[in-house]
Amino acid sequence: MSLSSIRRRRRPSAQASDNSKTTSHIALWHYLREHGEDMKKWHKEPTPELQARVKELQARSTTKAKSSAPVAAGSGKSEVEDLPILCVLLRLRSSEAFLLTLQDPKSSSINQVLPLAADQAARQHQIHCRCLETLRRAASVSPRCCGAMATISDLPEDVLVELLSLLPARDLLRACRPVCTQWRDVVDLTTLWKRKCQREGFYTQSLDRSVADWQVFYVLCKMKRNLIKNPRAEENFKHWKLDENKGDKWNIEDLPGPLGKEPPDSEARKYFVTSYDLCLKSQLITLQKEGYWNELMDEKRPEIVVKDWYAARFDCGCRYELRVRLLSENYLVLDEFCPEPVVIEQWSDAEWREISHTFSDYPAGVRYIWFQHGGQDTQYWAGWYGIRVTNSSITIGPQTLKANEDTI
């Protein structure tokens, strides 16, 4: 064997040793900082000093955990003894730092990774329990998974997918994905996002061929909600701009109202009603404020579904109008839904009717949605005999096979 080949073999080991020392020092530093230590005190301290302090903190945590941990029924050890890997997975640090997290979840920094409000404590407990159950199942697949000093590379991919799928999407994308190449690849797996969709009821087998991006599909399903505020007149006219308020002006009445009927939606208790002259009201929705970032709207073009409910009195004719516009950053109209006004004759059935429209394949650059509706009565009677509206909605969701279908 030549001298040069011996030198080539020795260089990597020396470099690896230096990297190991640096990583170890950084991991110890992170551990102390996250456990409330004054880092000015430990500035420029050697690694052995940091190690000694870390061991002291770990000893305290272990003592506290053993004294307060409940003992599982039918077993002689507490659940805390099963938690090291859970802490490892949720702390989202380098492998060296993972090995320092051998303590119960209450004293770890899990809450920094998954900030939860007081009313979400039950959800945090549920996540812990599900992780524990998954880890116990993993024991039969890979015995190394149950070792207190196991690293992430020891976990089978399917186990890692199952565990990471328990985390919120925001944590997966912002915290987990940048950790390492392995985690990035797992977070990008279609399997993980399908699993999240299954767990939260967004997945059906019929969608397999129609969903191009399951990550975007999950995020849009999770964010989907009514963007119209106060759609059922429960807060008077709050959030609405009264563009036209003529005649005896807009009014609010309780359902079913004089000579009216109950709407199909049982949640509605009130409605807005117009007068003998034109009454229009509107809302402007800022998509970024609602959580829909520009790249999502421009690249994925999710469906924008508009719905509204309207009805007339039995004894008076009326007119209903609806106009919805997709606006650019400079308030230019990029797309518009403006159906012909609906005229309801006197002595109608007074039934509530739904009108809907789906925007899809619209131009890039949509930043606002402007919604306006209203009308008036056609008999010109004093009071509130005009069109009635309630339960308006605008939702943004993933693309489906059916689009651009209007119903009136």
Protein backbone atom coordinates (compact mmCIF):
# COMPACT_ATOMS: atom_id res chain seq x y z
CA MET A 1 0.00 0.00 0.00
CA SER A 2 1.43 3.39 -0.99
CA LEU A 3 2.04 6.27 1.43
CA SER A 4 -0.30 8.53 -0.50
CA SER A 5 -3.19 6.08 -0.12
CA ILE A 6 -2.61 5.92 3.66
CA ARG A 7 -2.74 9.71 3.85
CA ARG A 8 -5.93 9.80 1.84
CA ARG A 9 -7.55 7.37 4.27
CA ARG A 10 -6.54 9.36 7.35
CA ARG A 11 -7.72 12.79 6.26
CA PRO A 12 -11.48 12.09 6.33
CA SER A 13 -11.34 10.63 9.84
CA ALA A 14 -9.58 13.70 11.20
CA GLN A 15 -12.09 16.00 9.51
CA ALA A 16 -15.00 13.91 10.77
CA SER A 17 -13.62 14.15 14.30
CA ASP A 18 -13.48 17.95 14.08
CA ASN A 19 -17.01 18.10 12.69
CA SER A 20 -18.24 15.80 15.47
CA LYS A 21 -16.72 18.04 18.15
CA THR A 22 -18.23 21.16 16.56
CA THR A 23 -21.65 19.56 16.22
CA SER A 24 -21.54 18.30 19.78
CA HIS A 25 -20.65 21.75 21.12
CA ILE A 26 -23.46 23.36 19.10
CA ALA A 27 -25.95 20.77 20.32
CA LEU A 28 -25.00 21.37 23.94
CA TRP A 29 -25.27 25.11 23.41
CA HIS A 30 -28.81 24.75 21.95
CA TYR A 31 -29.85 22.51 24.82
CA LEU A 32 -28.75 25.00 27.49
CA ARG A 33 -30.30 27.95 25.71
CA GLU A 34 -33.65 26.19 25.34
CA HIS A 35 -33.69 25.28 29.02
CA GLY A 36 -33.48 28.90 30.16
CA GLU A 37 -29.75 29.16 30.85
CA ASP A 38 -28.06 32.56 30.77
CA MET A 39 -25.85 32.06 27.70
CA LYS A 40 -23.60 34.99 28.61
CA LYS A 41 -22.36 32.83 31.45
CA TRP A 42 -21.48 29.98 29.10
CA HIS A 43 -19.89 32.11 26.40
CA LYS A 44 -16.54 30.62 25.33
CA GLU A 45 -16.79 27.85 27.93
CA PRO A 46 -15.18 24.55 26.83
CA THR A 47 -17.27 21.57 25.78
CA PRO A 48 -16.68 19.55 29.02
CA GLU A 49 -18.20 22.38 31.07
CA LEU A 50 -21.28 22.45 28.84
CA GLN A 51 -21.59 18.66 29.05
CA ALA A 52 -21.49 18.74 32.83
CA ARG A 53 -24.27 21.31 33.01
CA VAL A 54 -26.41 19.40 30.49
CA LYS A 55 -26.07 16.18 32.53
CA GLU A 56 -27.12 18.07 35.64
CA LEU A 57 -30.26 19.43 33.94
CA GLN A 58 -31.09 16.01 32.53
CA ALA A 59 -30.79 14.43 35.96
CA ARG A 60 -33.27 16.95 37.36
CA SER A 61 -35.72 16.36 34.51
CA THR A 62 -35.50 12.59 34.86
CA THR A 63 -36.11 12.73 38.64
CA LYS A 64 -39.10 15.03 38.14
CA ALA A 65 -40.55 12.83 35.38
CA LYS A 66 -40.28 9.61 37.42
CA SER A 67 -41.94 11.19 40.42
CA SER A 68 -44.93 12.58 38.48
CA ALA A 69 -45.43 10.11 35.62
CA PRO A 70 -48.51 7.83 35.75
CA VAL A 71 -47.90 4.10 35.48
CA ALA A 72 -49.63 2.45 32.52
CA ALA A 73 -52.15 -0.23 33.39
CA GLY A 74 -50.77 -3.72 33.08
CA SER A 75 -47.13 -2.64 32.88
CA GLY A 76 -44.42 -1.90 35.40
CA LYS A 77 -43.06 1.24 33.73
CA SER A 78 -44.37 4.72 33.05
CA GLU A 79 -45.21 6.17 29.67
CA VAL A 80 -42.42 8.70 30.12
CA GLU A 81 -39.95 5.87 29.51
CA ASP A 82 -41.44 5.49 26.01
CA LEU A 83 -41.20 9.18 25.15
CA PRO A 84 -37.56 9.86 24.18
CA ILE A 85 -38.13 9.17 20.48
CA LEU A 86 -41.28 11.31 20.54
CA CYS A 87 -39.27 14.20 21.92
CA VAL A 88 -36.62 13.49 19.32
CA LEU A 89 -39.14 13.77 16.47
CA LEU A 90 -40.87 16.90 17.69
CA ARG A 91 -37.87 19.02 18.65
CA LEU A 92 -36.76 19.38 15.03
CA ARG A 93 -33.03 19.74 15.67
CA SER A 94 -29.86 18.07 14.36
CA SER A 95 -29.22 14.42 15.29
CA GLU A 96 -26.76 15.38 18.01
CA ALA A 97 -29.31 17.65 19.66
CA PHE A 98 -31.95 14.92 19.45
CA LEU A 99 -29.91 12.67 21.72
CA LEU A 100 -30.02 15.28 24.48
CA THR A 101 -33.82 15.34 24.64
CA LEU A 102 -34.39 12.34 26.89
CA GLN A 103 -37.05 13.80 29.15
CA ASP A 104 -40.83 14.09 29.50
CA PRO A 105 -42.71 16.36 27.06
CA LYS A 106 -43.79 18.86 29.71
CA SER A 107 -40.21 19.88 30.45
CA SER A 108 -39.03 19.78 26.82
CA SER A 109 -39.41 22.50 24.23
CA ILE A 110 -42.16 20.74 22.27
CA ASN A 111 -44.42 23.69 22.93
CA GLN A 112 -41.95 25.93 21.12
CA VAL A 113 -42.26 23.77 18.03
CA LEU A 114 -46.03 23.34 18.33
CA PRO A 115 -47.35 26.48 20.06
CA LEU A 116 -50.79 25.61 21.42
CA ALA A 117 -53.40 27.76 23.10
CA ALA A 118 -54.84 26.69 26.42
CA ASP A 119 -57.94 25.23 24.77
CA GLN A 120 -55.73 23.04 22.55
CA ALA A 121 -54.08 21.13 25.38
CA ALA A 122 -56.28 18.11 24.68
CA ARG A 123 -55.11 18.09 21.07
CA GLN A 124 -51.45 18.09 22.18
CA HIS A 125 -52.16 15.12 24.48
CA GLN A 126 -53.86 13.30 21.60
CA ILE A 127 -50.82 13.83 19.36
CA HIS A 128 -48.51 12.45 22.06
CA CYS A 129 -50.67 9.36 22.51
CA ARG A 130 -50.87 8.66 18.79
CA CYS A 131 -47.11 9.02 18.45
CA LEU A 132 -46.58 6.59 21.29
CA GLU A 133 -48.92 4.06 19.71
CA THR A 134 -47.10 4.34 16.39
CA LEU A 135 -43.71 3.93 18.05
CA ARG A 136 -44.85 0.77 19.82
CA ARG A 137 -45.95 -0.64 16.48
CA ALA A 138 -42.59 0.34 15.02
CA ALA A 139 -40.81 -1.78 17.61
CA SER A 140 -41.79 -4.96 15.77
CA VAL A 141 -40.45 -3.53 12.50
CA SER A 142 -37.18 -2.08 13.70
CA PRO A 143 -36.04 -2.85 17.25
CA ARG A 144 -33.59 0.01 17.06
CA CYS A 145 -36.53 2.45 17.04
CA CYS A 146 -37.17 1.80 20.71
CA GLY A 147 -33.64 2.43 21.85
CA ALA A 148 -33.27 5.59 23.87
CA MET A 149 -30.30 6.67 21.76
CA ALA A 150 -31.84 5.95 18.33
CA THR A 151 -31.42 8.56 15.60
CA ILE A 152 -33.82 9.60 12.88
CA SER A 153 -32.00 7.49 10.30
CA ASP A 154 -32.96 4.40 12.32
CA LEU A 155 -36.69 4.93 11.72
CA PRO A 156 -38.30 3.19 8.74
CA GLU A 157 -39.73 5.62 6.22
CA ASP A 158 -43.33 4.50 6.77
CA VAL A 159 -43.00 5.15 10.52
CA LEU A 160 -41.52 8.59 9.91
CA VAL A 161 -44.35 9.38 7.49
CA GLU A 162 -46.93 8.32 10.08
CA LEU A 163 -45.37 10.45 12.81
CA LEU A 164 -44.77 13.55 10.73
CA SER A 165 -48.30 13.35 9.35
CA LEU A 166 -49.55 14.11 12.88
CA LEU A 167 -47.99 17.57 12.78
CA PRO A 168 -49.76 20.69 11.44
CA ALA A 169 -48.97 21.58 7.83
CA ARG A 170 -47.34 24.86 8.88
CA ASP A 171 -44.83 23.00 11.09
CA LEU A 172 -44.15 20.42 8.39
CA LEU A 173 -43.32 23.04 5.77
CA ARG A 174 -41.58 25.65 7.93
CA ALA A 175 -39.85 23.56 10.59
CA CYS A 176 -39.56 19.93 9.49
CA ARG A 177 -38.71 20.28 5.81
CA PRO A 178 -35.48 22.32 6.33
CA VAL A 179 -34.08 19.91 8.96
CA CYS A 180 -32.26 17.54 6.58
CA THR A 181 -32.46 15.91 3.16
CA GLN A 182 -34.28 12.86 4.53
CA TRP A 183 -37.01 14.95 6.18
CA ARG A 184 -37.35 17.14 3.10
CA ASP A 185 -37.93 14.09 0.93
CA VAL A 186 -40.45 12.63 3.40
CA VAL A 187 -42.39 15.91 3.70
CA ASP A 188 -42.58 16.08 -0.11
CA LEU A 189 -44.01 12.57 -0.37
CA THR A 190 -47.50 12.25 -1.82
CA THR A 191 -48.09 9.46 0.72
CA LEU A 192 -47.71 11.83 3.68
CA TRP A 193 -50.24 14.36 2.40
CA LYS A 194 -52.66 11.63 1.37
CA ARG A 195 -52.39 10.28 4.91
CA LYS A 196 -53.21 13.71 6.34
CA CYS A 197 -56.20 13.97 3.99
CA GLN A 198 -57.42 10.53 5.09
CA ARG A 199 -57.08 11.42 8.75
CA GLU A 200 -59.09 14.64 8.40
CA GLY A 201 -61.76 13.36 6.04
CA PHE A 202 -60.60 15.17 2.87
CA TYR A 203 -59.71 12.00 0.94
CA THR A 204 -61.92 9.77 -1.16
CA GLN A 205 -60.72 7.10 -3.55
CA SER A 206 -62.46 8.79 -6.48
CA LEU A 207 -60.03 11.72 -6.16
CA ASP A 208 -56.90 9.66 -6.91
CA ARG A 209 -56.82 10.52 -10.61
CA SER A 210 -58.10 14.09 -10.34
CA VAL A 211 -55.66 15.54 -7.76
CA ALA A 212 -52.37 16.70 -9.25
CA ASP A 213 -50.76 17.96 -6.02
CA TRP A 214 -51.88 16.39 -2.72
CA GLN A 215 -49.95 18.90 -0.63
CA VAL A 216 -51.79 21.83 -2.20
CA PHE A 217 -55.04 19.84 -2.05
CA TYR A 218 -54.64 19.34 1.71
CA VAL A 219 -53.68 22.96 2.42
CA LEU A 220 -56.65 24.30 0.45
CA CYS A 221 -59.07 21.85 2.11
CA LYS A 222 -57.73 22.82 5.53
CA MET A 223 -58.08 26.55 4.81
CA LYS A 224 -61.50 26.27 3.18
CA ARG A 225 -64.11 28.41 4.93
CA ASN A 226 -66.62 31.13 4.19
CA LEU A 227 -64.74 34.36 3.44
CA ILE A 228 -67.92 36.45 3.67
CA LYS A 229 -68.21 37.88 7.16
CA ASN A 230 -71.60 38.19 8.85
CA PRO A 231 -73.48 36.43 6.03
CA ARG A 232 -76.67 35.80 8.04
CA ALA A 233 -77.25 39.24 9.60
CA GLU A 234 -76.27 37.98 13.05
CA GLU A 235 -74.14 41.13 13.66
CA ASN A 236 -76.49 43.64 12.09
CA PHE A 237 -74.62 45.30 9.19
CA LYS A 238 -71.10 44.78 10.55
CA HIS A 239 -68.50 44.10 7.79
CA TRP A 240 -70.92 45.26 5.06
CA LYS A 241 -70.62 48.47 3.07
CA LEU A 242 -74.03 49.91 2.16
CA ASP A 243 -73.43 51.06 -1.42
CA GLU A 244 -77.08 51.97 -2.07
CA ASN A 245 -79.50 52.51 0.80
CA LYS A 246 -82.58 54.13 -0.72
CA GLY A 247 -86.31 53.96 -0.03
CA ASP A 248 -86.83 52.96 3.59
CA LYS A 249 -83.25 51.58 3.52
CA TRP A 250 -81.91 48.13 4.33
CA ASN A 251 -83.47 46.26 7.23
CA ILE A 252 -82.96 42.98 9.11
CA GLU A 253 -85.81 40.60 9.97
CA ASP A 254 -86.14 37.24 11.69
CA LEU A 255 -86.91 34.16 9.61
CA PRO A 256 -89.31 33.19 8.18
CA GLY A 257 -90.55 36.80 8.15
CA PRO A 258 -93.99 38.13 7.07
CA LEU A 259 -95.50 35.88 4.39
CA GLY A 260 -92.18 34.06 4.00
CA LYS A 261 -90.77 30.56 4.35
CA GLU A 262 -87.85 28.91 6.13
CA PRO A 263 -84.65 28.50 4.05
CA PRO A 264 -83.04 25.08 3.53
CA ASP A 265 -80.08 26.07 5.71
CA SER A 266 -81.16 25.52 9.30
CA GLU A 267 -78.29 27.69 10.63
CA ALA A 268 -79.81 30.91 9.25
CA ARG A 269 -82.01 32.76 11.72
CA LYS A 270 -82.18 36.21 10.11
CA TYR A 271 -82.01 37.84 6.70
CA PHE A 272 -81.34 41.22 5.09
CA VAL A 273 -84.32 42.80 3.31
CA THR A 274 -84.54 45.67 0.79
CA SER A 275 -87.07 48.45 0.34
CA TYR A 276 -89.03 50.11 -2.50
CA ASP A 277 -85.90 51.72 -4.00
CA LEU A 278 -82.48 50.31 -4.83
CA CYS A 279 -80.53 48.77 -1.93
CA LEU A 280 -77.06 47.27 -2.52
CA LYS A 281 -74.37 46.19 -0.08
CA SER A 282 -70.88 44.77 -0.60
CA GLN A 283 -67.74 43.29 0.93
CA LEU A 284 -64.14 43.44 -0.32
CA ILE A 285 -62.06 40.37 0.57
CA THR A 286 -58.26 40.74 0.74
CA LEU A 287 -56.87 37.30 -0.06
CA GLN A 288 -53.50 37.73 1.64
CA LYS A 289 -55.20 38.70 4.90
CA GLU A 290 -57.22 35.49 4.66
CA GLY A 291 -54.04 33.40 4.28
CA TYR A 292 -54.03 32.89 0.48
CA TRP A 293 -50.56 33.92 -0.66
CA ASN A 294 -49.84 35.31 -4.13
CA GLU A 295 -47.94 32.29 -5.50
CA LEU A 296 -50.78 29.96 -4.52
CA MET A 297 -53.38 32.06 -6.35
CA ASP A 298 -51.19 32.62 -9.42
CA GLU A 299 -49.71 29.14 -9.90
CA LYS A 300 -52.43 26.80 -8.61
CA ARG A 301 -55.51 28.90 -9.46
CA PRO A 302 -57.77 27.27 -6.85
CA GLU A 303 -61.51 27.30 -7.46
CA ILE A 304 -63.42 30.29 -6.12
CA VAL A 305 -67.03 29.30 -5.42
CA VAL A 306 -69.68 31.99 -4.90
CA LYS A 307 -73.13 31.21 -3.45
CA ASP A 308 -76.06 33.35 -2.34
CA TRP A 309 -79.64 32.72 -1.18
CA TYR A 310 -82.56 34.99 -2.03
CA ALA A 311 -86.36 34.97 -1.67
CA ALA A 312 -89.42 37.20 -2.08
CA ARG A 313 -92.54 37.83 -0.05
CA PHE A 314 -95.67 36.04 -1.23
CA ASP A 315 -97.64 39.28 -1.74
CA CYS A 316 -95.04 41.53 -3.44
CA GLY A 317 -92.87 41.30 -6.53
CA CYS A 318 -89.17 42.14 -6.31
CA ARG A 319 -85.85 42.26 -8.14
CA TYR A 320 -82.56 40.55 -7.14
CA GLU A 321 -79.06 41.52 -8.31
CA LEU A 322 -75.62 39.92 -7.79
CA ARG A 323 -72.18 40.98 -8.98
CA VAL A 324 -68.83 39.37 -8.07
CA ARG A 325 -65.45 40.56 -9.36
CA LEU A 326 -61.91 39.20 -9.12
CA LEU A 327 -59.59 42.19 -8.78
CA SER A 328 -55.84 42.73 -9.26
CA GLU A 329 -53.52 44.53 -6.87
CA ASN A 330 -54.50 47.79 -8.60
CA TYR A 331 -58.22 46.89 -8.43
CA LEU A 332 -58.47 46.08 -12.13
CA VAL A 333 -61.24 43.60 -13.02
CA LEU A 334 -59.65 40.28 -14.07
CA ASP A 335 -62.85 38.23 -14.10
CA GLU A 336 -66.49 38.90 -13.28
CA PHE A 337 -69.76 37.11 -12.61
CA CYS A 338 -72.72 39.38 -13.28
CA PRO A 339 -75.90 37.44 -14.15
CA GLU A 340 -79.06 39.09 -15.39
CA PRO A 341 -81.18 40.48 -12.55
CA VAL A 342 -83.81 38.03 -11.31
CA VAL A 343 -87.36 39.44 -11.31
CA ILE A 344 -89.90 37.63 -9.11
CA GLU A 345 -93.56 38.34 -9.81
CA GLN A 346 -96.17 39.12 -7.19
CA TRP A 347 -97.96 36.11 -5.61
CA SER A 348 -94.87 33.90 -5.91
CA ASP A 349 -94.20 30.75 -3.89
CA ALA A 350 -91.85 32.70 -1.55
CA GLU A 351 -89.36 29.83 -1.69
CA TRP A 352 -85.65 30.46 -1.00
CA ARG A 353 -83.42 29.91 -4.04
CA GLU A 354 -79.68 29.51 -4.35
CA ILE A 355 -77.48 31.07 -7.02
CA SER A 356 -73.89 29.84 -7.42
CA HIS A 357 -70.89 30.31 -9.68
CA THR A 358 -67.39 28.79 -9.78
CA PHE A 359 -64.38 30.79 -10.97
CA SER A 360 -61.62 28.61 -12.44
CA ASP A 361 -58.78 29.16 -14.94
CA TYR A 362 -58.95 32.87 -14.20
CA PRO A 363 -55.98 35.18 -15.01
CA ALA A 364 -53.01 35.38 -12.65
CA GLY A 365 -52.79 38.31 -10.28
CA VAL A 366 -56.05 37.97 -8.31
CA ARG A 367 -55.58 39.75 -4.97
CA TYR A 368 -59.13 40.79 -4.01
CA ILE A 369 -62.67 39.48 -4.38
CA TRP A 370 -65.51 42.01 -4.47
CA PHE A 371 -69.01 40.76 -3.67
CA GLN A 372 -72.17 42.87 -4.07
CA HIS A 373 -75.85 41.96 -3.93
CA GLY A 374 -79.25 43.51 -3.25
CA GLY A 375 -82.31 44.76 -5.14
CA GLN A 376 -85.72 46.30 -4.42
CA ASP A 377 -89.44 45.59 -4.58
CA THR A 378 -91.36 46.18 -7.83
CA GLN A 379 -94.60 47.47 -6.27
CA TYR A 380 -92.99 50.55 -4.67
CA TRP A 381 -94.67 49.89 -1.33
CA ALA A 382 -93.39 51.74 1.73
CA GLY A 383 -91.59 49.49 4.18
CA TRP A 384 -89.57 46.33 3.47
CA TYR A 385 -91.25 44.35 0.73
CA GLY A 386 -88.18 43.87 -1.47
CA ILE A 387 -85.80 40.98 -2.04
CA ARG A 388 -84.50 39.05 0.97
CA VAL A 389 -80.92 37.70 1.09
CA THR A 390 -78.98 35.56 3.57
CA ASN A 391 -76.26 32.94 3.93
CA SER A 392 -73.96 34.40 1.26
CA SER A 393 -70.64 32.62 0.86
CA ILE A 394 -67.31 32.70 -0.97
CA THR A 395 -65.02 29.69 -0.56
CA ILE A 396 -61.66 28.83 -2.08
CA GLY A 397 -60.85 25.17 -2.60
CA PRO A 398 -58.86 22.73 -4.74
CA GLN A 399 -59.69 22.19 -8.39
CA THR A 400 -62.35 19.54 -9.01
CA LEU A 401 -63.60 17.86 -12.15
CA LYS A 402 -66.70 20.08 -12.32
CA ALA A 403 -66.14 23.79 -12.79
CA ASN A 404 -67.79 26.85 -14.27
CA GLU A 405 -71.26 25.51 -13.55
CA ASP A 406 -73.76 28.22 -12.62
CA THR A 407 -77.04 27.44 -10.89
CA ILE A 408 -79.91 29.80 -10.33
